[in-house]
Protein backbone atom coordinates (compact mmCIF):
# COMPACT_ATOMS: atom_id res chain seq x y z
CA MET A 1 76.81 38.58 -107.50
CA GLU A 2 73.30 39.11 -108.78
CA ILE A 3 70.64 36.83 -107.31
CA ARG A 4 69.52 35.69 -110.78
CA LYS A 5 73.07 34.67 -111.72
CA LEU A 6 73.45 32.84 -108.40
CA ILE A 7 70.23 30.93 -109.02
CA ASP A 8 71.37 29.99 -112.53
CA LEU A 9 74.76 28.81 -111.25
CA LEU A 10 73.21 26.72 -108.48
CA ARG A 11 70.81 25.21 -111.00
CA ALA A 12 73.75 24.41 -113.30
CA THR A 13 75.52 22.48 -110.52
CA ILE A 14 72.96 19.69 -110.84
CA ASP A 15 73.48 19.36 -114.60
CA PRO A 16 76.38 16.96 -115.25
CA THR A 17 77.35 18.81 -118.43
CA GLN A 18 77.56 22.19 -116.66
CA ARG A 19 78.55 21.23 -113.12
CA GLN A 20 82.31 21.80 -113.24
CA GLN A 21 82.03 25.20 -114.90
CA ALA A 22 79.28 26.33 -112.51
CA GLU A 23 81.24 25.17 -109.46
CA ALA A 24 84.33 27.01 -110.71
CA GLN A 25 82.33 30.22 -111.07
CA LEU A 26 80.85 29.77 -107.60
CA ASP A 27 84.35 29.24 -106.18
CA GLN A 28 85.44 32.54 -107.71
CA ALA A 29 82.43 34.44 -106.36
CA ASN A 30 83.37 36.90 -103.67
CA CYS A 31 80.71 37.59 -101.07
CA ASP A 32 80.98 39.96 -98.15
CA MET A 33 81.45 38.30 -94.77
CA PRO A 34 77.97 39.32 -93.49
CA VAL A 35 76.40 37.59 -96.52
CA ARG A 36 78.43 34.43 -95.87
CA GLN A 37 77.47 34.53 -92.19
CA ALA A 38 73.79 34.95 -93.06
CA GLY A 39 74.01 31.91 -95.35
CA ALA A 40 75.69 29.87 -92.62
CA ILE A 41 73.04 30.86 -90.08
CA TYR A 42 70.27 29.97 -92.53
CA LEU A 43 71.84 26.55 -93.15
CA LYS A 44 72.26 25.95 -89.40
CA ASN A 45 68.60 26.82 -88.76
CA LEU A 46 67.43 24.64 -91.66
CA ILE A 47 69.43 21.72 -90.29
CA ALA A 48 68.15 22.30 -86.75
CA THR A 49 64.51 22.28 -87.82
CA SER A 50 64.60 19.72 -90.65
CA TRP A 51 67.21 17.10 -89.71
CA GLN A 52 64.83 14.44 -88.39
CA ASP A 53 61.92 12.90 -90.26
CA ARG A 54 58.60 13.85 -88.72
CA GLU A 55 55.13 12.45 -89.11
CA ALA A 56 52.41 14.64 -90.57
CA GLU A 57 49.60 15.56 -88.24
CA ALA A 58 46.10 14.61 -89.36
CA GLY A 59 44.90 16.95 -92.09
CA GLN A 60 48.27 18.70 -92.35
CA PRO A 61 50.80 18.52 -95.19
CA MET A 62 53.93 16.44 -94.70
CA PRO A 63 56.52 18.58 -92.88
CA PHE A 64 59.78 19.24 -94.69
CA ALA A 65 62.73 17.08 -93.70
CA LEU A 66 66.19 16.80 -95.20
CA HIS A 67 66.60 13.64 -97.26
CA GLU A 68 69.03 11.04 -95.92
CA GLN A 69 71.37 11.61 -98.88
CA ASP A 70 71.48 15.32 -98.04
CA ARG A 71 72.14 14.55 -94.37
CA ALA A 72 74.99 12.23 -95.40
CA LEU A 73 76.47 14.95 -97.62
CA ILE A 74 76.30 17.45 -94.77
CA ARG A 75 77.92 14.99 -92.35
CA ASP A 76 80.69 14.29 -94.86
CA SER A 77 81.33 17.96 -95.67
CA ILE A 78 80.73 19.96 -92.50
CA VAL A 79 84.16 19.56 -90.88
CA ASP A 80 85.97 20.36 -94.13
CA ALA A 81 83.80 23.45 -94.60
CA VAL A 82 84.55 24.71 -91.10
CA VAL A 83 88.28 24.07 -91.46
CA HIS A 84 88.47 25.96 -94.75
CA ALA A 85 86.18 28.83 -93.74
CA PRO A 86 87.85 32.24 -93.88
CA ARG A 87 88.71 33.82 -90.55
CA THR A 88 86.95 37.02 -89.60
């Protein structure tokens, strides 16, 4: 799948009028296993570095942290995602 199309589909998932169609297209997308693994590793690293809220140091911008709603979604979905992941 082209990167531009992927970006457009992900953007459409947050639009209530386009969400179902975009999710259906994403479900049909076929990515090679190395691409899926790279995405999983990126998500794992993002979670590892951004799970907890952190205070900004003086004169520094606020560090990125996952919002509580996003953390709740991850907690609610992670086991299901692992169970349904394709075997290598």
